[in-house]
C-alpha atoms as a PDB file:
ATOM      1  CA  MET A   1     189.690  41.365 143.378  1.00  0.00           C
ATOM      2  CA  THR A   2     185.850  41.091 143.059  1.00  0.00           C
ATOM      3  CA  PRO A   3     183.581  42.005 146.101  1.00  0.00           C
ATOM      4  CA  LEU A   4     181.965  39.431 147.247  1.00  0.00           C
ATOM      5  CA  VAL A   5     179.428  42.001 149.006  1.00  0.00           C
ATOM      6  CA  SER A   6     178.908  45.286 147.928  1.00  0.00           C
ATOM      7  CA  ILE A   7     177.880  48.109 150.886  1.00  0.00           C
ATOM      8  CA  LEU A   8     175.054  50.692 149.196  1.00  0.00           C
ATOM      9  CA  MET A   9     175.619  54.266 151.412  1.00  0.00           C
ATOM     10  CA  PRO A  10     173.586  56.844 149.490  1.00  0.00           C
ATOM     11  CA  THR A  11     173.907  59.714 151.332  1.00  0.00           C
ATOM     12  CA  TYR A  12     172.261  63.745 151.570  1.00  0.00           C
ATOM     13  CA  ASN A  13     173.447  66.169 153.900  1.00  0.00           C
ATOM     14  CA  HIS A  14     174.563  63.915 156.668  1.00  0.00           C
ATOM     15  CA  ALA A  15     178.042  65.381 157.445  1.00  0.00           C
ATOM     16  CA  ARG A  16     177.653  65.361 161.394  1.00  0.00           C
ATOM     17  CA  PHE A  17     177.351  61.337 160.285  1.00  0.00           C
ATOM     18  CA  ILE A  18     178.949  59.907 157.556  1.00  0.00           C
ATOM     19  CA  ALA A  19     182.646  59.297 158.659  1.00  0.00           C
ATOM     20  CA  GLN A  20     180.857  57.422 161.939  1.00  0.00           C
ATOM     21  CA  ALA A  21     179.122  55.252 160.155  1.00  0.00           C
ATOM     22  CA  VAL A  22     181.968  54.761 157.459  1.00  0.00           C
ATOM     23  CA  GLU A  23     184.589  53.735 159.771  1.00  0.00           C
ATOM     24  CA  SER A  24     181.266  50.926 160.829  1.00  0.00           C
ATOM     25  CA  ALA A  25     182.217  49.604 157.203  1.00  0.00           C
ATOM     26  CA  MET A  26     185.931  49.491 157.545  1.00  0.00           C
ATOM     27  CA  ALA A  27     185.984  48.025 160.621  1.00  0.00           C
ATOM     28  CA  GLN A  28     184.593  44.688 159.491  1.00  0.00           C
ATOM     29  CA  GLN A  29     186.474  41.707 159.695  1.00  0.00           C
ATOM     30  CA  ALA A  30     185.489  39.231 156.730  1.00  0.00           C
ATOM     31  CA  GLN A  31     187.518  37.157 155.091  1.00  0.00           C
ATOM     32  CA  PHE A  32     186.341  38.404 151.794  1.00  0.00           C
ATOM     33  CA  PRO A  33     186.807  41.354 149.475  1.00  0.00           C
ATOM     34  CA  PHE A  34     183.294  44.306 150.002  1.00  0.00           C
ATOM     35  CA  GLU A  35     183.280  47.637 149.016  1.00  0.00           C
ATOM     36  CA  LEU A  36     181.731  50.663 150.082  1.00  0.00           C
ATOM     37  CA  LEU A  37     179.796  52.584 147.146  1.00  0.00           C
ATOM     38  CA  ILE A  38     179.279  56.416 147.996  1.00  0.00           C
ATOM     39  CA  SER A  39     176.384  58.623 146.189  1.00  0.00           C
ATOM     40  CA  ASP A  40     176.228  61.577 147.458  1.00  0.00           C
ATOM     41  CA  ASP A  41     172.512  63.672 146.161  1.00  0.00           C
ATOM     42  CA  CYS A  42     174.314  66.875 146.111  1.00  0.00           C
ATOM     43  CA  SER A  43     174.927  67.635 149.934  1.00  0.00           C
ATOM     44  CA  THR A  44     175.555  71.238 151.247  1.00  0.00           C
ATOM     45  CA  ASP A  45     176.482  69.928 154.813  1.00  0.00           C
ATOM     46  CA  GLY A  46     180.341  68.631 154.054  1.00  0.00           C
ATOM     47  CA  THR A  47     179.378  65.525 153.636  1.00  0.00           C
ATOM     48  CA  LEU A  48     181.104  64.710 150.436  1.00  0.00           C
ATOM     49  CA  LYS A  49     184.507  66.184 151.263  1.00  0.00           C
ATOM     50  CA  ILE A  50     184.746  63.455 154.487  1.00  0.00           C
ATOM     51  CA  ALA A  51     183.152  61.346 152.070  1.00  0.00           C
ATOM     52  CA  ARG A  52     186.597  61.976 149.452  1.00  0.00           C
ATOM     53  CA  GLU A  53     188.509  61.635 152.150  1.00  0.00           C
ATOM     54  CA  PHE A  54     187.807  58.084 153.586  1.00  0.00           C
ATOM     55  CA  GLU A  55     187.583  57.228 149.549  1.00  0.00           C
ATOM     56  CA  VAL A  56     191.883  58.279 149.405  1.00  0.00           C
ATOM     57  CA  ARG A  57     192.580  56.416 152.946  1.00  0.00           C
ATOM     58  CA  HIS A  58     190.884  53.163 151.630  1.00  0.00           C
ATOM     59  CA  PRO A  59     190.735  53.565 147.624  1.00  0.00           C
ATOM     60  CA  ASP A  60     190.687  49.849 147.458  1.00  0.00           C
ATOM     61  CA  ARG A  61     187.468  49.255 149.424  1.00  0.00           C
ATOM     62  CA  ILE A  62     185.946  52.582 148.840  1.00  0.00           C
ATOM     63  CA  ARG A  63     184.494  54.239 146.049  1.00  0.00           C
ATOM     64  CA  VAL A  64     182.043  57.818 145.932  1.00  0.00           C
ATOM     65  CA  PHE A  65     179.947  59.372 143.112  1.00  0.00           C
ATOM     66  CA  THR A  66     178.566  62.396 142.905  1.00  0.00           C
ATOM     67  CA  GLN A  67     174.970  63.223 141.936  1.00  0.00           C
ATOM     68  CA  GLU A  68     174.545  66.521 139.273  1.00  0.00           C
ATOM     69  CA  LYS A  69     171.731  67.211 140.864  1.00  0.00           C
ATOM     70  CA  ASN A  70     169.384  66.109 143.398  1.00  0.00           C
ATOM     71  CA  GLY A  71     167.530  63.129 142.558  1.00  0.00           C
ATOM     72  CA  GLY A  72     166.274  61.878 145.793  1.00  0.00           C
ATOM     73  CA  LEU A  73     166.887  58.361 147.871  1.00  0.00           C
ATOM     74  CA  LEU A  74     165.115  56.131 145.717  1.00  0.00           C
ATOM     75  CA  LYS A  75     167.470  57.178 142.371  1.00  0.00           C
ATOM     76  CA  ASN A  76     170.632  57.365 144.516  1.00  0.00           C
ATOM     77  CA  TYR A  77     169.851  53.646 145.329  1.00  0.00           C
ATOM     78  CA  LYS A  78     168.969  52.950 141.548  1.00  0.00           C
ATOM     79  CA  PHE A  79     172.618  54.627 140.579  1.00  0.00           C
ATOM     80  CA  LEU A  80     174.058  52.981 143.557  1.00  0.00           C
ATOM     81  CA  LEU A  81     172.975  49.529 142.110  1.00  0.00           C
ATOM     82  CA  GLY A  82     173.753  49.719 138.911  1.00  0.00           C
ATOM     83  CA  HIS A  83     177.938  50.128 139.900  1.00  0.00           C
ATOM     84  CA  ALA A  84     177.657  47.362 142.534  1.00  0.00           C
ATOM     85  CA  THR A  85     180.062  44.382 141.720  1.00  0.00           C
ATOM     86  CA  GLY A  86     179.382  42.325 144.983  1.00  0.00           C
ATOM     87  CA  LYS A  87     177.569  38.551 144.498  1.00  0.00           C
ATOM     88  CA  TYR A  88     175.453  40.672 147.679  1.00  0.00           C
ATOM     89  CA  LEU A  89     174.063  43.269 148.707  1.00  0.00           C
ATOM     90  CA  ALA A  90     174.397  45.402 152.121  1.00  0.00           C
ATOM     91  CA  ILE A  91     172.987  48.648 152.634  1.00  0.00           C
ATOM     92  CA  LEU A  92     174.462  51.283 155.757  1.00  0.00           C
ATOM     93  CA  GLU A  93     172.473  54.055 155.876  1.00  0.00           C
ATOM     94  CA  SER A  94     174.871  57.009 156.153  1.00  0.00           C
ATOM     95  CA  ASP A  95     173.468  58.041 159.621  1.00  0.00           C
ATOM     96  CA  ASP A  96     173.852  54.604 160.623  1.00  0.00           C
ATOM     97  CA  VAL A  97     176.250  52.318 162.825  1.00  0.00           C
ATOM     98  CA  TRP A  98     177.449  48.621 162.474  1.00  0.00           C
ATOM     99  CA  THR A  99     178.029  47.674 166.175  1.00  0.00           C
ATOM    100  CA  ASP A 100     178.944  44.543 164.806  1.00  0.00           C
ATOM    101  CA  ALA A 101     182.062  44.139 163.745  1.00  0.00           C
ATOM    102  CA  HIS A 102     180.662  40.008 162.717  1.00  0.00           C
ATOM    103  CA  LYS A 103     178.544  41.475 160.493  1.00  0.00           C
ATOM    104  CA  LEU A 104     179.120  40.451 157.072  1.00  0.00           C
ATOM    105  CA  GLU A 105     180.994  37.210 157.787  1.00  0.00           C
ATOM    106  CA  LYS A 106     177.748  36.232 159.601  1.00  0.00           C
ATOM    107  CA  GLN A 107     175.342  37.585 156.839  1.00  0.00           C
ATOM    108  CA  VAL A 108     177.652  36.057 154.330  1.00  0.00           C
ATOM    109  CA  ALA A 109     177.781  32.315 156.054  1.00  0.00           C
ATOM    110  CA  TYR A 110     174.551  32.303 155.918  1.00  0.00           C
ATOM    111  CA  LEU A 111     173.721  33.262 152.834  1.00  0.00           C
ATOM    112  CA  GLU A 112     175.864  30.985 151.951  1.00  0.00           C
ATOM    113  CA  ALA A 113     175.228  27.743 153.423  1.00  0.00           C
ATOM    114  CA  HIS A 114     170.817  28.717 152.736  1.00  0.00           C
ATOM    115  CA  ASP A 115     170.853  29.025 149.127  1.00  0.00           C
ATOM    116  CA  GLU A 116     166.567  29.023 148.875  1.00  0.00           C
END
């Protein structure tokens, strides 16, 4: 099923934070499909291992990518944009947390109601 929203999460050395960030995305109570795209930019602290564990638990929603060499945040975002399949994009930094389980639903409702 094609997701309505692609959540982009570039990451680099955020092992201390990424689990909570991913959990906040997976806690979204949306009435539409969404995907979480995580791109690791050559982390050295276990970030990739944690991301892969979530991918195994949620293979229908999470896709994890690894960069061959560290290219920086902008290149990582550009990479994720190229793999997004949703009509809408949401950004969730890997050291951030969404506190509202209806965040995506509210944002999509607004966008759908306001074509401009």
